[in-house]
Each structure stands twice: as C-alpha cells, then as structure tokens.
C-alpha cells in the first residue's frame, strides 16, 4: 500500500464542500479543512504509486472548486 498526503488549494469559500466531496472518493482516508497556504489536506492510499496518481488526476482534481494540488507520498526510511 502507498499512502500520500494531498495538499489542496481551493477557490475562496469552497474548502468545506471540496473536503466533503473528496471524502467520498474510494481510497481517501481523511479529508480535512485547514488554515494556512492550503485549504484542504487529504490522506489517501492506493495499491501502487500509479494507482495513486490515477486517483489524484482522474478523481480528486476533477472536484469542482479545486485550483491546485500537491501530492506528497509517504516514505518509510
């Protein structure tokens, strides 16, 4: 299993709606509104890095109100 944090910037006033919609995507463990340079932080997991990438591009980035994402895979050193 590959896990990642997805940092999301949204249009003004859209953070809560974006977090709620993203939390329904299979593979999303948590989706929280936050303050700071990002508006929503998501923890997600998938079988492979490729599956994770497909989830982000095909599902997460298509949620209305998102302006930018940054995916940070978890590494175990």
N, C-alpha and C. Protein backbone atom coordinates (compact mmCIF):
# COMPACT_ATOMS: atom_id res chain seq x y z
N UNK A 1 0.84 -1.19 0.00
CA UNK A 1 0.00 0.00 0.00
C UNK A 1 0.88 1.24 0.00
N UNK A 2 0.49 2.21 -0.79
CA UNK A 2 1.16 3.51 -0.85
C UNK A 2 0.21 4.53 -0.25
N UNK A 3 0.74 5.34 0.65
CA UNK A 3 -0.07 6.42 1.24
C UNK A 3 0.53 7.75 0.85
N UNK A 4 -0.33 8.77 0.82
CA UNK A 4 0.14 10.12 0.48
C UNK A 4 -0.77 11.15 1.14
N UNK A 5 -0.20 12.32 1.35
CA UNK A 5 -0.97 13.48 1.75
C UNK A 5 -1.14 14.33 0.50
N UNK A 6 -2.35 14.79 0.26
CA UNK A 6 -2.64 15.63 -0.89
C UNK A 6 -3.03 17.01 -0.34
N UNK A 7 -2.21 18.00 -0.64
CA UNK A 7 -2.45 19.36 -0.17
C UNK A 7 -3.22 20.09 -1.26
N UNK A 8 -4.32 20.71 -0.90
CA UNK A 8 -5.23 21.27 -1.89
C UNK A 8 -5.52 22.74 -1.62
N UNK A 9 -5.43 23.54 -2.67
CA UNK A 9 -5.89 24.92 -2.62
C UNK A 9 -7.22 24.98 -3.35
N UNK A 10 -8.15 25.75 -2.79
CA UNK A 10 -9.49 25.84 -3.37
C UNK A 10 -9.85 27.30 -3.66
N UNK A 11 -10.93 27.45 -4.40
CA UNK A 11 -11.49 28.78 -4.58
C UNK A 11 -11.99 29.26 -3.21
N UNK A 12 -12.06 30.57 -3.04
CA UNK A 12 -12.49 31.15 -1.77
C UNK A 12 -13.88 30.62 -1.39
N UNK A 13 -13.99 30.14 -0.15
CA UNK A 13 -15.26 29.67 0.37
C UNK A 13 -15.66 28.25 -0.04
N UNK A 14 -14.77 27.53 -0.72
CA UNK A 14 -15.11 26.20 -1.22
C UNK A 14 -14.48 25.05 -0.44
N UNK A 15 -13.67 25.34 0.57
CA UNK A 15 -12.91 24.30 1.26
C UNK A 15 -13.80 23.21 1.87
N UNK A 16 -14.84 23.58 2.56
CA UNK A 16 -15.69 22.59 3.21
C UNK A 16 -16.37 21.68 2.19
N UNK A 17 -16.90 22.27 1.13
CA UNK A 17 -17.57 21.48 0.09
C UNK A 17 -16.57 20.54 -0.60
N UNK A 18 -15.38 21.04 -0.87
CA UNK A 18 -14.34 20.21 -1.51
C UNK A 18 -13.98 19.04 -0.60
N UNK A 19 -13.75 19.30 0.68
CA UNK A 19 -13.39 18.24 1.62
C UNK A 19 -14.49 17.18 1.70
N UNK A 20 -15.74 17.62 1.73
CA UNK A 20 -16.85 16.66 1.80
C UNK A 20 -16.92 15.78 0.56
N UNK A 21 -16.76 16.37 -0.62
CA UNK A 21 -16.81 15.60 -1.86
C UNK A 21 -15.63 14.64 -1.97
N UNK A 22 -14.45 15.10 -1.60
CA UNK A 22 -13.27 14.25 -1.70
C UNK A 22 -13.34 13.09 -0.71
N UNK A 23 -13.94 13.30 0.44
CA UNK A 23 -14.01 12.23 1.44
C UNK A 23 -14.81 11.03 0.95
N UNK A 24 -15.61 11.21 -0.11
CA UNK A 24 -16.40 10.11 -0.67
C UNK A 24 -15.64 9.29 -1.71
N UNK A 25 -14.46 9.73 -2.11
CA UNK A 25 -13.68 9.02 -3.13
C UNK A 25 -13.05 7.78 -2.51
N UNK A 26 -13.19 6.62 -3.15
CA UNK A 26 -12.55 5.39 -2.63
C UNK A 26 -11.03 5.58 -2.53
N UNK A 27 -10.47 5.18 -1.41
CA UNK A 27 -9.03 5.34 -1.18
C UNK A 27 -8.69 6.54 -0.33
N UNK A 28 -9.64 7.45 -0.16
CA UNK A 28 -9.41 8.62 0.69
C UNK A 28 -9.70 8.22 2.13
N UNK A 29 -8.70 8.39 2.99
CA UNK A 29 -8.84 8.02 4.39
C UNK A 29 -9.42 9.18 5.21
N UNK A 30 -8.92 10.38 4.96
CA UNK A 30 -9.43 11.58 5.63
C UNK A 30 -9.34 12.77 4.68
N UNK A 31 -10.21 13.73 4.88
CA UNK A 31 -10.17 15.00 4.14
C UNK A 31 -10.60 16.08 5.12
N UNK A 32 -9.69 16.98 5.43
CA UNK A 32 -9.93 17.99 6.47
C UNK A 32 -9.71 19.39 5.93
N UNK A 33 -10.57 20.34 6.32
CA UNK A 33 -10.32 21.76 6.03
C UNK A 33 -9.24 22.22 7.01
N UNK A 34 -8.33 23.04 6.53
CA UNK A 34 -7.27 23.57 7.39
C UNK A 34 -7.06 25.04 7.06
N UNK A 35 -6.28 25.72 7.89
CA UNK A 35 -5.91 27.09 7.60
C UNK A 35 -4.45 27.12 7.16
N UNK A 36 -4.05 28.19 6.53
CA UNK A 36 -2.68 28.31 6.04
C UNK A 36 -2.67 28.38 4.52
N UNK A 37 -1.53 28.05 3.91
CA UNK A 37 -1.42 28.18 2.45
C UNK A 37 -2.29 27.17 1.69
N UNK A 38 -2.69 26.09 2.36
CA UNK A 38 -3.58 25.09 1.75
C UNK A 38 -4.91 25.13 2.49
N UNK A 39 -5.96 24.75 1.79
CA UNK A 39 -7.31 24.83 2.34
C UNK A 39 -7.84 23.47 2.80
N UNK A 40 -7.36 22.41 2.17
CA UNK A 40 -7.79 21.05 2.49
C UNK A 40 -6.56 20.15 2.46
N UNK A 41 -6.46 19.26 3.45
CA UNK A 41 -5.42 18.22 3.43
C UNK A 41 -6.11 16.87 3.46
N UNK A 42 -5.68 16.03 2.52
CA UNK A 42 -6.28 14.71 2.34
C UNK A 42 -5.21 13.65 2.61
N UNK A 43 -5.59 12.59 3.31
CA UNK A 43 -4.72 11.42 3.43
C UNK A 43 -5.39 10.32 2.60
N UNK A 44 -4.62 9.76 1.67
CA UNK A 44 -5.17 8.75 0.77
C UNK A 44 -4.22 7.57 0.66
N UNK A 45 -4.76 6.44 0.20
CA UNK A 45 -3.91 5.28 -0.04
C UNK A 45 -4.39 4.54 -1.28
N UNK A 46 -3.44 3.84 -1.90
CA UNK A 46 -3.72 3.05 -3.09
C UNK A 46 -2.73 1.89 -3.12
N UNK A 47 -3.00 0.93 -3.97
CA UNK A 47 -2.13 -0.24 -4.08
C UNK A 47 -0.73 0.13 -4.57
N UNK A 48 -0.64 1.00 -5.59
CA UNK A 48 0.64 1.38 -6.18
C UNK A 48 0.71 2.89 -6.37
N UNK A 49 1.91 3.38 -6.66
CA UNK A 49 2.08 4.80 -6.94
C UNK A 49 1.27 5.19 -8.18
N UNK A 50 1.25 4.30 -9.18
CA UNK A 50 0.47 4.58 -10.39
C UNK A 50 -1.02 4.69 -10.07
N UNK A 51 -1.53 3.79 -9.23
CA UNK A 51 -2.94 3.86 -8.83
C UNK A 51 -3.23 5.16 -8.08
N UNK A 52 -2.29 5.57 -7.24
CA UNK A 52 -2.44 6.82 -6.50
C UNK A 52 -2.50 8.00 -7.47
N UNK A 53 -1.60 8.02 -8.43
CA UNK A 53 -1.59 9.08 -9.43
C UNK A 53 -2.88 9.13 -10.22
N UNK A 54 -3.39 7.96 -10.59
CA UNK A 54 -4.67 7.91 -11.32
C UNK A 54 -5.81 8.46 -10.47
N UNK A 55 -5.81 8.13 -9.18
CA UNK A 55 -6.85 8.65 -8.29
C UNK A 55 -6.81 10.17 -8.24
N UNK A 56 -5.61 10.72 -8.09
CA UNK A 56 -5.48 12.18 -7.97
C UNK A 56 -5.92 12.86 -9.26
N UNK A 57 -5.44 12.38 -10.40
CA UNK A 57 -5.74 13.03 -11.67
C UNK A 57 -7.19 12.80 -12.12
N UNK A 58 -7.67 11.56 -12.00
CA UNK A 58 -8.98 11.22 -12.54
C UNK A 58 -10.13 11.54 -11.61
N UNK A 59 -9.86 11.64 -10.31
CA UNK A 59 -10.97 11.85 -9.38
C UNK A 59 -10.81 13.11 -8.53
N UNK A 60 -9.70 13.23 -7.83
CA UNK A 60 -9.52 14.36 -6.91
C UNK A 60 -9.50 15.68 -7.67
N UNK A 61 -8.67 15.78 -8.71
CA UNK A 61 -8.53 17.06 -9.40
C UNK A 61 -9.78 17.47 -10.17
N UNK A 62 -10.72 16.56 -10.35
CA UNK A 62 -11.95 16.90 -11.06
C UNK A 62 -13.03 17.49 -10.14
N UNK A 63 -12.77 17.51 -8.85
CA UNK A 63 -13.74 18.08 -7.91
C UNK A 63 -13.81 19.59 -8.14
N UNK A 64 -15.03 20.07 -8.30
CA UNK A 64 -15.24 21.49 -8.57
C UNK A 64 -14.79 22.33 -7.38
N UNK A 65 -14.06 23.41 -7.66
CA UNK A 65 -13.60 24.32 -6.62
C UNK A 65 -12.12 24.19 -6.32
N UNK A 66 -11.46 23.16 -6.84
CA UNK A 66 -10.02 22.98 -6.61
C UNK A 66 -9.24 23.81 -7.61
N UNK A 67 -8.24 24.54 -7.12
CA UNK A 67 -7.38 25.31 -8.01
C UNK A 67 -5.99 24.71 -8.16
N UNK A 68 -5.52 23.96 -7.15
CA UNK A 68 -4.18 23.37 -7.23
C UNK A 68 -4.06 22.24 -6.23
N UNK A 69 -3.29 21.20 -6.61
CA UNK A 69 -3.00 20.11 -5.67
C UNK A 69 -1.49 19.86 -5.63
N UNK A 70 -1.04 19.34 -4.52
CA UNK A 70 0.35 18.91 -4.34
C UNK A 70 0.29 17.57 -3.62
N UNK A 71 0.77 16.52 -4.27
CA UNK A 71 0.72 15.18 -3.70
C UNK A 71 2.07 14.84 -3.07
N UNK A 72 2.03 14.44 -1.81
CA UNK A 72 3.24 14.12 -1.04
C UNK A 72 3.19 12.67 -0.58
N UNK A 73 3.82 11.75 -1.32
CA UNK A 73 3.80 10.35 -0.92
C UNK A 73 4.55 10.16 0.41
N UNK A 74 4.04 9.25 1.21
CA UNK A 74 4.70 8.92 2.48
C UNK A 74 5.84 7.95 2.18
N UNK A 75 7.01 8.21 2.76
CA UNK A 75 8.15 7.31 2.59
C UNK A 75 8.54 6.75 3.96
N UNK A 76 8.99 5.53 3.95
CA UNK A 76 9.46 4.88 5.18
C UNK A 76 10.94 4.61 5.01
N UNK A 77 11.77 5.42 5.67
CA UNK A 77 13.22 5.32 5.53
C UNK A 77 13.82 4.38 6.55
